[in-house]
Amino acid sequence: MSGWQSANIRRTVQVLALGSLLLSGCRGTVTGTAPVKPEASPGEGGPADISMMLVLYTKETPSELLQLELERMTDTRLALSWVPDTVYTDKLMSGFAAGTLPKVVQVKAVDLKKPTVVNGIRSGLFWEIGPYLESYPNLSKRMNKTIMDNGAYFGRYYGLYWELPMSRQGIQFRKDWLARLKLAEPRTVDDLYEVLKAFTYGDPDGNGKQDTYGLVDRNDLVYGAFKNIAAYMGAPNNWGWSEGRLTPDFMTPAYRSAMDFMKKLYDEKLMNPDFTITSKVQQEERFAAGEAGMMITNLLASNANDKLRKGNPEAEVDILNRIKGPNGEHVWGGTGLGGLYLFPKSAVKTEEELKRVLRFFDQLLEEDVNNLITYGLEGRHYVKAEGNAAKVKPETKELREREVQDYNTALRTFNIRYLSQGSVNSLQRKINTMIEDNQTIAVADPAAGLISATQAEKGDELRSIITDATYNYMLGVLDGRGFDRELARWRAVGGDRIIQEINQAYAEDHTIEGKPADTAHNP
């Protein structure tokens, strides 16, 4: 029985439990219920049944407390299948093959151009939603057209996006280790290497043992260390300009420099040797356990700092976003979307069903519903403060992480807040400032939103050639000539056609005369 099929079995008991919780005066009591709104007009047959497959970024499935309140607010019955991030793509592709997708599926940004997804769109497996959007006031008013265009297929809208900042990339590091070793924050690529070396061999935790790594990394060439380091080295973001045409990043000298840097860290044991099989959750756990002094990933360090200080109150995590490479300071930039919610016709069988699902997403942008999935239940997870702010009390922070965080991640579509975030600590203020600063140094992908027919047909096969070759180079399995052979194989089995098709697609909307304006930050 699937997650979205089994979720309703427990509903009667859960509704009673929710009522008991909201009325009780037990520990962690609710001093007030969530904001009450007029009940949504019920559709024919009562509340709408909506099944969803959602990415789970934490170790445990969240409590259904918020789900029940969300159902009440939106007049729905939600069947939510939470799938761990580490296996989400495989589960999604299996659902495609078996025809068992629910009414709403999240497709992460890294999967949007996978052949299975592109071919599913092309063959009509998903609803085109563009013609319906103007009927939904919140969606049409709040929608960012540029981000929607970045998520379009063949010039049409098939999905609603969930929004991410253009770049959250950066470095989380042990500030207390730097202080103990009397080192300054790294400002250049060379500085970065020296700090990682000191974090490995300089006994930064002061226990008299050589039991730390400079860097703990994970099996992800995009959101792990590698793509960040490639940006420092001056690599383009997926595609860049070379001799007047778009060229893949892995065909540039800067990409090779990033591989050399990672290989040096691996050879000198400055990073965890099992990084190719380390998951995101494991990476964060090992950093929090004090096994390494740095993660080159993103700037969202609040949770890491909190977890680390539970075991070591003297520990402190800090962040930085600017590392100077051969061509200045750069980070790689995204498209503004974390992915898309798509609506399979196999599950959403009629236009009326689609309209009800879209109405649910429109409701997510209403003030009371948005406050719920952003902050939780007023009185239980936060209190209202002066200046129309939501204040998360320290004693409810962990409760909010268990009961609210996953809904916030999975269901907050457009980046709006009706209540400002109160009680922002100095680290969070620094995070916000650096994310904003990243916009000034972010390298854009000039081919974002472009579709190549060959990539749609053979993308997984071709991408695996480059992914495997990149890892094998860093591990010392391949040398430079071996990597060149794999690159030649990629070109021979379809890569050259992808380059040609991407350039043709770009030329349909742009005139290539000199250096295009949207490559202003490209080295």
Protein backbone atom coordinates (compact mmCIF):
# COMPACT_ATOMS: atom_id res chain seq x y z
CA MET A 1 0.00 0.00 0.00
CA SER A 2 1.46 3.37 -1.04
CA GLY A 3 2.01 6.29 1.31
CA TRP A 4 -0.76 8.35 -0.26
CA GLN A 5 -3.16 5.38 -0.09
CA SER A 6 -2.45 4.54 3.54
CA ALA A 7 -2.39 8.07 4.95
CA ASN A 8 -6.18 8.31 5.29
CA ILE A 9 -6.47 5.14 7.41
CA ARG A 10 -5.26 6.95 10.52
CA ARG A 11 -7.26 10.13 9.88
CA THR A 12 -10.15 9.66 12.33
CA VAL A 13 -7.84 8.97 15.24
CA GLN A 14 -5.58 11.85 14.24
CA VAL A 15 -8.41 14.37 14.05
CA LEU A 16 -9.48 13.42 17.56
CA ALA A 17 -5.86 13.67 18.71
CA LEU A 18 -5.48 17.11 17.14
CA GLY A 19 -8.59 18.35 18.89
CA SER A 20 -7.34 16.97 22.17
CA LEU A 21 -3.94 18.59 21.71
CA LEU A 22 -5.32 21.99 20.83
CA LEU A 23 -7.64 22.01 23.83
CA SER A 24 -5.32 20.48 26.40
CA GLY A 25 -3.05 22.25 28.85
CA CYS A 26 -0.25 19.71 28.69
CA ARG A 27 3.47 20.42 28.41
CA GLY A 28 4.17 22.35 25.25
CA THR A 29 0.61 23.59 25.46
CA VAL A 30 -1.21 25.60 22.88
CA THR A 31 -2.08 29.01 24.27
CA GLY A 32 -4.08 29.73 21.14
CA THR A 33 -5.09 27.80 18.06
CA ALA A 34 -3.96 28.57 14.56
CA PRO A 35 -5.62 31.57 12.91
CA VAL A 36 -9.15 30.67 11.92
CA LYS A 37 -10.40 31.43 8.44
CA PRO A 38 -13.79 30.88 6.90
CA GLU A 39 -14.10 27.32 5.64
CA ALA A 40 -13.37 26.99 1.97
CA SER A 41 -16.47 26.35 -0.07
CA PRO A 42 -16.67 22.56 -0.28
CA GLY A 43 -16.70 21.01 -3.69
CA GLU A 44 -19.22 18.45 -4.72
CA GLY A 45 -18.87 15.35 -2.57
CA GLY A 46 -17.06 17.13 0.26
CA PRO A 47 -13.34 17.76 0.77
CA ALA A 48 -11.06 17.19 -2.20
CA ASP A 49 -8.72 14.19 -2.09
CA ILE A 50 -5.20 15.23 -3.12
CA SER A 51 -2.28 12.81 -3.12
CA MET A 52 1.26 14.15 -3.19
CA MET A 53 4.79 12.75 -3.38
CA LEU A 54 7.15 15.05 -1.48
CA VAL A 55 10.90 15.19 -0.83
CA LEU A 56 11.94 14.48 2.78
CA TYR A 57 15.22 16.16 3.76
CA THR A 58 15.21 15.06 7.40
CA LYS A 59 15.65 11.60 8.87
CA GLU A 60 12.11 11.12 10.18
CA THR A 61 8.69 11.61 8.63
CA PRO A 62 7.06 14.70 10.18
CA SER A 63 4.11 14.63 12.53
CA GLU A 64 0.74 14.95 10.80
CA LEU A 65 -0.32 17.73 13.16
CA LEU A 66 0.09 20.46 10.55
CA GLN A 67 -1.37 18.28 7.83
CA LEU A 68 -4.65 18.00 9.72
CA GLU A 69 -4.88 21.74 10.26
CA LEU A 70 -3.95 22.35 6.62
CA GLU A 71 -6.76 20.02 5.56
CA ARG A 72 -9.22 21.94 7.70
CA MET A 73 -8.14 25.28 6.26
CA THR A 74 -8.24 24.14 2.62
CA ASP A 75 -11.16 21.68 2.76
CA THR A 76 -9.01 18.81 1.51
CA ARG A 77 -7.99 15.30 2.45
CA LEU A 78 -4.25 15.07 1.86
CA ALA A 79 -2.38 11.83 1.31
CA LEU A 80 1.30 12.76 1.61
CA SER A 81 4.02 10.31 0.68
CA TRP A 82 7.33 11.52 2.16
CA VAL A 83 10.31 10.06 0.29
CA PRO A 84 13.89 10.58 1.54
CA ASP A 85 15.96 12.84 -0.67
CA THR A 86 18.61 10.15 -1.16
CA VAL A 87 16.18 7.83 -2.97
CA TYR A 88 13.64 10.35 -4.24
CA THR A 89 14.77 10.43 -7.86
CA ASP A 90 14.79 6.63 -8.11
CA LYS A 91 11.32 6.47 -6.56
CA LEU A 92 10.07 9.13 -8.98
CA MET A 93 11.45 7.33 -12.02
CA SER A 94 9.93 4.05 -10.80
CA GLY A 95 6.57 5.82 -10.52
CA PHE A 96 6.90 7.01 -14.11
CA ALA A 97 7.61 3.50 -15.32
CA ALA A 98 4.82 1.87 -13.32
CA GLY A 99 2.24 4.59 -13.92
CA THR A 100 1.64 4.95 -10.17
CA LEU A 101 2.32 8.64 -9.64
CA PRO A 102 -0.01 10.57 -7.31
CA LYS A 103 -1.90 13.74 -8.25
CA VAL A 104 1.08 15.98 -7.40
CA VAL A 105 4.75 15.11 -7.73
CA GLN A 106 7.76 17.21 -6.89
CA VAL A 107 10.49 17.14 -9.51
CA LYS A 108 13.76 18.54 -8.21
CA ALA A 109 15.66 21.06 -10.34
CA VAL A 110 18.44 18.55 -11.02
CA ASP A 111 15.87 16.15 -12.51
CA LEU A 112 13.92 18.58 -14.68
CA LYS A 113 15.85 17.75 -17.85
CA LYS A 114 16.09 14.02 -17.31
CA PRO A 115 14.88 12.09 -20.36
CA THR A 116 12.05 10.45 -18.44
CA VAL A 117 10.66 13.83 -17.39
CA VAL A 118 11.13 15.62 -20.71
CA ASN A 119 9.68 12.74 -22.70
CA GLY A 120 6.79 12.48 -20.25
CA ILE A 121 6.00 16.14 -20.87
CA ARG A 122 6.33 15.75 -24.63
CA SER A 123 4.08 12.68 -24.76
CA GLY A 124 1.27 14.35 -22.81
CA LEU A 125 1.57 12.57 -19.46
CA PHE A 126 1.18 15.84 -17.55
CA TRP A 127 -1.34 18.65 -17.60
CA GLU A 128 -0.37 21.94 -19.19
CA ILE A 129 -1.41 24.48 -16.54
CA GLY A 130 -0.56 27.79 -18.20
CA PRO A 131 -4.07 28.49 -19.55
CA TYR A 132 -5.59 28.05 -16.08
CA LEU A 133 -3.33 30.25 -13.97
CA GLU A 134 -5.09 33.56 -14.48
CA SER A 135 -8.15 32.09 -12.74
CA TYR A 136 -6.24 31.83 -9.45
CA PRO A 137 -5.65 35.26 -7.90
CA ASN A 138 -2.78 34.36 -5.59
CA LEU A 139 -0.88 32.30 -8.15
CA SER A 140 -1.27 34.87 -10.92
CA LYS A 141 -0.42 37.81 -8.64
CA ARG A 142 2.58 36.26 -6.88
CA MET A 143 4.08 34.32 -9.77
CA ASN A 144 7.53 35.38 -10.95
CA LYS A 145 7.41 35.10 -14.74
CA THR A 146 11.18 34.80 -15.12
CA ILE A 147 11.27 31.80 -12.80
CA MET A 148 8.22 30.27 -14.49
CA ASP A 149 9.95 30.70 -17.85
CA ASN A 150 13.04 28.95 -16.49
CA GLY A 151 10.82 25.98 -15.65
CA ALA A 152 8.88 25.95 -18.91
CA TYR A 153 8.93 23.12 -21.45
CA PHE A 154 8.68 23.91 -25.14
CA GLY A 155 7.47 27.41 -24.29
CA ARG A 156 4.59 26.18 -22.12
CA TYR A 157 3.94 25.93 -18.38
CA TYR A 158 3.41 22.44 -17.00
CA GLY A 159 4.41 22.97 -13.40
CA LEU A 160 4.35 25.34 -10.45
CA TYR A 161 7.76 26.12 -9.02
CA TRP A 162 9.01 26.24 -5.50
CA GLU A 163 11.33 29.17 -5.13
CA LEU A 164 14.95 29.29 -4.02
CA PRO A 165 17.36 32.23 -3.86
CA MET A 166 19.45 32.63 -6.99
CA SER A 167 22.46 31.41 -5.01
CA ARG A 168 22.81 30.09 -1.47
CA GLN A 169 26.26 28.66 -2.16
CA GLY A 170 29.01 29.09 0.37
CA ILE A 171 31.20 27.56 3.04
CA GLN A 172 30.38 26.46 6.59
CA PHE A 173 33.44 26.16 8.81
CA ARG A 174 34.55 25.78 12.41
CA LYS A 175 35.34 29.28 13.61
CA ASP A 176 36.64 27.95 16.94
CA TRP A 177 39.13 25.73 15.11
CA LEU A 178 40.43 28.70 13.14
CA ALA A 179 40.91 30.60 16.38
CA ARG A 180 42.71 27.71 18.10
CA LEU A 181 45.09 27.41 15.13
CA LYS A 182 45.49 31.20 14.91
CA LEU A 183 44.42 31.25 11.27
CA ALA A 184 42.49 33.89 9.34
CA GLU A 185 39.42 33.12 7.27
CA PRO A 186 40.39 31.91 3.79
CA ARG A 187 40.02 34.52 1.07
CA THR A 188 41.61 32.74 -1.90
CA VAL A 189 41.73 29.21 -3.27
CA ASP A 190 45.27 28.87 -1.91
CA ASP A 191 44.10 30.02 1.53
CA LEU A 192 41.32 27.44 1.38
CA TYR A 193 43.82 24.64 0.80
CA GLU A 194 46.01 25.80 3.70
CA VAL A 195 43.06 25.92 6.10
CA LEU A 196 41.90 22.44 5.08
CA LYS A 197 45.44 21.14 5.60
CA ALA A 198 45.61 22.72 9.06
CA PHE A 199 42.19 21.35 9.98
CA THR A 200 43.50 17.87 9.09
CA TYR A 201 47.01 17.83 10.54
CA GLY A 202 47.08 20.71 13.06
CA ASP A 203 45.01 19.04 15.82
CA PRO A 204 42.29 21.70 15.59
CA ASP A 205 40.11 20.09 18.29
CA GLY A 206 43.04 19.98 20.73
CA ASN A 207 42.64 16.32 21.72
CA GLY A 208 46.21 15.38 20.81
CA LYS A 209 45.07 12.99 18.05
CA GLN A 210 45.11 13.17 14.27
CA ASP A 211 41.42 12.31 13.90
CA THR A 212 39.93 15.14 11.84
CA TYR A 213 39.49 15.99 8.18
CA GLY A 214 39.61 19.44 6.71
CA LEU A 215 36.58 18.82 4.51
CA VAL A 216 33.62 16.47 4.74
CA ASP A 217 31.93 16.12 1.35
CA ARG A 218 29.13 14.04 -0.16
CA ASN A 219 28.22 12.15 -3.32
CA ASP A 220 26.92 15.17 -5.21
CA LEU A 221 28.87 17.02 -7.90
CA VAL A 222 26.32 19.85 -7.92
CA TYR A 223 25.36 20.67 -4.34
CA GLY A 224 28.52 19.32 -2.75
CA ALA A 225 31.99 20.87 -2.88
CA PHE A 226 32.89 20.28 -6.51
CA LYS A 227 30.64 22.73 -8.34
CA ASN A 228 31.45 25.45 -5.79
CA ILE A 229 35.17 24.91 -6.29
CA ALA A 230 34.69 24.90 -10.06
CA ALA A 231 33.03 28.32 -9.75
CA TYR A 232 35.99 29.57 -7.69
CA MET A 233 38.30 28.35 -10.46
CA GLY A 234 36.32 30.28 -13.08
CA ALA A 235 34.23 27.49 -14.62
CA PRO A 236 30.94 28.41 -16.29
CA ASN A 237 27.64 27.25 -14.80
CA ASN A 238 26.72 24.14 -16.83
CA TRP A 239 27.26 26.02 -20.10
CA GLY A 240 29.57 28.88 -20.99
CA TRP A 241 30.83 30.76 -23.99
CA SER A 242 33.88 29.65 -25.95
CA GLU A 243 34.73 31.04 -29.39
CA GLY A 244 31.22 32.37 -29.86
CA ARG A 245 29.29 29.21 -29.02
CA LEU A 246 27.86 27.59 -25.92
CA THR A 247 30.15 24.89 -24.53
CA PRO A 248 29.62 22.45 -21.62
CA ASP A 249 31.44 23.35 -18.41
CA PHE A 250 33.33 20.04 -18.33
CA MET A 251 35.08 20.94 -21.58
CA THR A 252 36.76 23.99 -20.00
CA PRO A 253 40.21 24.28 -18.37
CA ALA A 254 38.62 25.64 -15.18
CA TYR A 255 36.62 22.42 -14.72
CA ARG A 256 39.90 20.48 -14.99
CA SER A 257 41.43 22.80 -12.39
CA ALA A 258 38.57 22.01 -10.01
CA MET A 259 39.14 18.29 -10.50
CA ASP A 260 42.84 18.78 -9.80
CA PHE A 261 42.05 20.63 -6.59
CA MET A 262 39.66 17.92 -5.38
CA LYS A 263 42.16 15.22 -6.34
CA LYS A 264 44.82 16.98 -4.28
CA LEU A 265 42.53 17.04 -1.25
CA TYR A 266 41.76 13.35 -1.72
CA ASP A 267 45.39 12.31 -2.29
CA GLU A 268 46.60 14.25 0.76
CA LYS A 269 43.76 12.88 2.91
CA LEU A 270 42.41 16.36 3.62
CA MET A 271 38.83 15.16 3.02
CA ASN A 272 36.78 12.09 3.88
CA PRO A 273 37.89 9.32 1.50
CA ASP A 274 34.37 7.90 1.27
CA PHE A 275 32.84 11.09 -0.12
CA THR A 276 31.54 9.28 -3.21
CA ILE A 277 29.16 7.22 -1.04
CA THR A 278 28.40 9.76 1.70
CA SER A 279 24.84 11.14 1.73
CA LYS A 280 23.82 14.69 2.59
CA VAL A 281 22.41 13.59 5.96
CA GLN A 282 25.62 11.68 6.76
CA GLN A 283 27.76 14.64 5.74
CA GLU A 284 25.88 16.98 8.07
CA GLU A 285 25.94 14.47 10.92
CA ARG A 286 29.70 14.00 10.61
CA PHE A 287 30.27 17.76 10.55
CA ALA A 288 28.09 18.15 13.64
CA ALA A 289 30.05 15.36 15.34
CA GLY A 290 33.30 17.30 14.89
CA GLU A 291 34.82 14.93 12.35
CA ALA A 292 35.69 17.75 9.92
CA GLY A 293 36.12 21.50 10.00
CA MET A 294 34.42 22.51 6.78
CA MET A 295 31.55 21.83 4.40
CA ILE A 296 31.67 23.56 1.02
CA THR A 297 27.99 23.46 0.18
CA ASN A 298 25.63 26.28 1.17
CA LEU A 299 25.30 29.09 3.68
CA LEU A 300 22.44 27.59 5.73
CA ALA A 301 24.50 26.95 8.83
CA SER A 302 22.01 27.54 11.67
CA ASN A 303 21.07 23.89 12.13
CA ALA A 304 24.68 22.73 11.92
CA ASN A 305 25.69 25.27 14.56
CA ASP A 306 22.86 24.22 16.89
CA LYS A 307 23.60 20.50 16.53
CA LEU A 308 27.32 21.00 17.02
CA ARG A 309 26.89 23.07 20.17
CA LYS A 310 24.67 20.47 21.79
CA GLY A 311 27.68 18.20 22.12
CA ASN A 312 30.27 20.96 22.44
CA PRO A 313 29.05 24.31 23.81
CA GLU A 314 32.40 25.91 22.97
CA ALA A 315 32.10 25.07 19.27
CA GLU A 316 31.06 27.70 16.75
CA VAL A 317 30.16 27.52 13.06
CA ASP A 318 30.68 30.50 10.78
CA ILE A 319 30.16 31.08 7.06
CA LEU A 320 31.73 32.81 4.09
CA ASN A 321 30.71 33.19 0.47
CA ARG A 322 33.58 34.88 -1.35
CA ILE A 323 36.68 32.95 -2.39
CA LYS A 324 38.96 34.57 -4.94
CA GLY A 325 40.11 32.41 -7.83
CA PRO A 326 42.12 33.09 -10.98
CA ASN A 327 39.41 35.34 -12.41
CA GLY A 328 37.99 36.96 -9.31
CA GLU A 329 35.16 36.00 -6.95
CA HIS A 330 32.35 33.82 -8.26
CA VAL A 331 29.64 31.47 -7.06
CA TRP A 332 27.37 29.42 -9.27
CA GLY A 333 23.83 30.69 -9.60
CA GLY A 334 20.55 28.87 -9.94
CA THR A 335 17.40 29.67 -11.88
CA GLY A 336 15.33 30.70 -8.88
CA LEU A 337 13.46 27.42 -8.81
CA GLY A 338 14.13 24.46 -6.57
CA GLY A 339 11.99 22.32 -8.82
CA LEU A 340 8.45 21.92 -10.11
CA TYR A 341 5.19 20.42 -8.94
CA LEU A 342 3.79 18.45 -11.87
CA PHE A 343 0.27 17.02 -12.25
CA PRO A 344 0.06 13.57 -13.91
CA LYS A 345 -2.99 12.92 -16.05
CA SER A 346 -2.99 9.32 -14.86
CA ALA A 347 -3.99 10.55 -11.38
CA VAL A 348 -5.65 13.91 -12.17
CA LYS A 349 -8.15 12.52 -14.63
CA THR A 350 -10.41 15.49 -15.33
CA GLU A 351 -10.15 19.21 -15.82
CA GLU A 352 -12.29 19.73 -12.71
CA GLU A 353 -9.82 17.69 -10.63
CA LEU A 354 -6.95 19.78 -11.97
CA LYS A 355 -8.77 22.98 -11.09
CA ARG A 356 -9.28 21.77 -7.52
CA VAL A 357 -5.60 20.87 -7.17
CA LEU A 358 -4.58 24.28 -8.51
CA ARG A 359 -7.00 25.87 -6.07
CA PHE A 360 -5.18 24.11 -3.24
CA PHE A 361 -1.90 25.65 -4.38
CA ASP A 362 -3.62 29.02 -4.61
CA GLN A 363 -4.80 28.56 -1.03
CA LEU A 364 -1.23 27.88 0.11
CA LEU A 365 -0.51 31.53 -0.70
CA GLU A 366 -3.33 32.90 1.46
CA GLU A 367 -2.17 34.63 4.63
CA ASP A 368 -3.32 32.16 7.28
CA VAL A 369 -2.28 29.08 5.31
CA ASN A 370 1.07 30.60 4.40
CA ASN A 371 1.68 31.44 8.07
CA LEU A 372 0.84 27.85 9.02
CA ILE A 373 3.31 26.17 6.66
CA THR A 374 5.96 28.85 7.29
CA TYR A 375 5.84 29.10 11.09
CA GLY A 376 3.41 26.45 12.35
CA LEU A 377 0.58 26.84 14.87
CA GLU A 378 0.44 30.15 16.65
CA GLY A 379 0.95 29.56 20.36
CA ARG A 380 2.57 26.16 19.86
CA HIS A 381 5.39 26.90 17.43
CA TYR A 382 5.57 30.70 17.48
CA VAL A 383 4.03 33.81 18.95
CA LYS A 384 3.22 37.08 17.24
CA ALA A 385 5.53 39.94 18.16
CA GLU A 386 5.57 43.65 17.51
CA GLY A 387 5.97 44.76 13.94
CA ASN A 388 3.83 41.92 12.53
CA ALA A 389 6.58 39.41 13.23
CA ALA A 390 6.59 35.73 14.12
CA LYS A 391 8.87 34.96 17.05
CA VAL A 392 10.08 31.40 17.54
CA LYS A 393 10.74 30.94 21.22
CA PRO A 394 13.95 29.01 22.03
CA GLU A 395 12.01 26.36 23.94
CA THR A 396 9.82 25.62 20.87
CA LYS A 397 12.61 25.61 18.27
CA GLU A 398 13.12 21.83 18.30
CA LEU A 399 9.38 21.26 18.30
CA ARG A 400 9.08 23.42 15.19
CA GLU A 401 11.88 21.50 13.49
CA ARG A 402 10.04 18.22 14.12
CA GLU A 403 6.54 19.38 13.25
CA VAL A 404 6.88 22.28 10.81
CA GLN A 405 10.20 22.22 8.97
CA ASP A 406 9.34 19.52 6.42
CA TYR A 407 6.02 21.16 5.50
CA ASN A 408 7.84 24.46 5.10
CA THR A 409 10.36 22.86 2.75
CA ALA A 410 7.83 20.86 0.75
CA LEU A 411 4.84 23.17 0.43
CA ARG A 412 6.11 26.76 0.44
CA THR A 413 5.94 27.62 -3.23
CA PHE A 414 6.63 31.30 -3.83
CA ASN A 415 8.93 33.12 -1.42
CA ILE A 416 6.44 35.33 0.39
CA ARG A 417 5.91 36.02 4.10
CA TYR A 418 2.96 37.79 5.68
CA LEU A 419 4.78 37.76 9.03
CA SER A 420 8.41 38.79 9.19
CA GLN A 421 10.86 36.53 10.95
CA GLY A 422 11.32 37.79 14.50
CA SER A 423 14.25 37.16 16.84
CA VAL A 424 16.80 36.66 14.06
CA ASN A 425 20.17 35.89 15.59
CA SER A 426 23.49 37.21 14.33
CA LEU A 427 24.30 34.05 12.35
CA GLN A 428 20.96 34.12 10.55
CA ARG A 429 21.40 37.81 9.74
CA LYS A 430 24.80 36.99 8.27
CA ILE A 431 23.28 34.15 6.23
CA ASN A 432 20.64 36.49 4.82
CA THR A 433 23.24 39.15 4.00
CA MET A 434 25.55 36.73 2.21
CA ILE A 435 22.72 35.17 0.18
CA GLU A 436 21.86 38.67 -1.01
CA ASP A 437 25.53 39.42 -1.70
CA ASN A 438 25.79 36.25 -3.81
CA GLN A 439 23.51 37.81 -6.40
CA THR A 440 26.32 40.22 -7.28
CA ILE A 441 28.85 37.45 -8.01
CA ALA A 442 26.62 34.60 -9.23
CA VAL A 443 27.44 32.99 -12.57
CA ALA A 444 24.28 32.35 -14.59
CA ASP A 445 23.57 29.38 -16.83
CA PRO A 446 22.91 30.87 -20.28
CA ALA A 447 21.25 27.62 -21.40
CA ALA A 448 18.75 27.45 -18.54
CA GLY A 449 15.35 26.45 -19.89
CA LEU A 450 16.69 25.21 -23.23
CA ILE A 451 15.80 21.69 -24.34
CA SER A 452 17.92 19.41 -26.51
CA ALA A 453 16.14 16.46 -28.17
CA THR A 454 19.24 14.29 -27.85
CA GLN A 455 19.62 15.25 -24.21
CA ALA A 456 15.98 14.30 -23.63
CA GLU A 457 16.59 10.94 -25.29
CA LYS A 458 20.04 10.03 -23.98
CA GLY A 459 20.73 12.49 -21.18
CA ASP A 460 21.10 9.98 -18.34
CA GLU A 461 23.51 7.81 -20.31
CA LEU A 462 25.60 10.77 -21.40
CA ARG A 463 25.61 12.48 -18.01
CA SER A 464 26.81 9.26 -16.35
CA ILE A 465 29.86 9.24 -18.64
CA ILE A 466 30.93 12.66 -17.38
CA THR A 467 29.94 12.03 -13.76
CA ASP A 468 31.89 8.76 -13.61
CA ALA A 469 34.87 10.29 -15.38
CA THR A 470 34.93 13.25 -12.99
CA TYR A 471 34.85 11.04 -9.90
CA ASN A 472 37.40 8.61 -11.34
CA TYR A 473 39.78 11.47 -12.13
CA MET A 474 39.55 12.76 -8.56
CA LEU A 475 40.09 9.25 -7.20
CA GLY A 476 43.14 8.68 -9.42
CA VAL A 477 41.52 5.94 -11.51
CA LEU A 478 41.80 8.11 -14.62
CA ASP A 479 44.58 10.51 -15.57
CA GLY A 480 44.18 13.48 -17.90
CA ARG A 481 44.37 11.37 -21.04
CA GLY A 482 41.82 8.95 -19.60
CA PHE A 483 39.43 11.79 -18.90
CA ASP A 484 39.95 13.05 -22.47
CA ARG A 485 39.03 9.59 -23.79
CA GLU A 486 35.79 9.63 -21.81
CA LEU A 487 35.06 13.13 -23.08
CA ALA A 488 35.62 11.93 -26.66
CA ARG A 489 33.24 9.02 -26.00
CA TRP A 490 30.63 11.45 -24.70
CA ARG A 491 30.93 13.53 -27.85
CA ALA A 492 30.76 10.50 -30.12
CA VAL A 493 27.61 8.96 -28.65
CA GLY A 494 25.54 12.13 -28.69
CA GLY A 495 27.38 14.94 -26.94
CA ASP A 496 28.23 16.84 -30.11
CA ARG A 497 24.55 16.71 -31.11
CA ILE A 498 23.58 18.15 -27.72
CA ILE A 499 26.01 21.04 -28.19
CA GLN A 500 24.60 21.72 -31.64
CA GLU A 501 20.97 21.54 -30.47
CA ILE A 502 21.53 23.76 -27.43
CA ASN A 503 23.20 26.39 -29.60
CA GLN A 504 20.36 26.19 -32.12
CA ALA A 505 17.78 26.57 -29.34
CA TYR A 506 19.63 29.58 -27.95
CA ALA A 507 19.88 31.19 -31.39
CA GLU A 508 16.10 31.04 -31.81
CA ASP A 509 15.71 33.61 -29.04
CA HIS A 510 19.02 35.47 -29.11
CA THR A 511 21.40 37.01 -31.59
CA ILE A 512 24.92 35.89 -30.81
CA GLU A 513 27.07 38.93 -31.44
CA GLY A 514 30.10 39.04 -29.24
CA LYS A 515 29.50 38.27 -25.59
CA PRO A 516 25.78 38.11 -24.69
CA ALA A 517 24.52 40.31 -21.87
CA ASP A 518 23.40 37.38 -19.75
CA THR A 519 26.96 36.11 -19.46
CA ALA A 520 28.17 39.25 -17.74
CA HIS A 521 29.47 37.30 -14.74
CA ASN A 522 30.93 34.46 -16.78
CA PRO A 523 34.70 34.41 -16.49
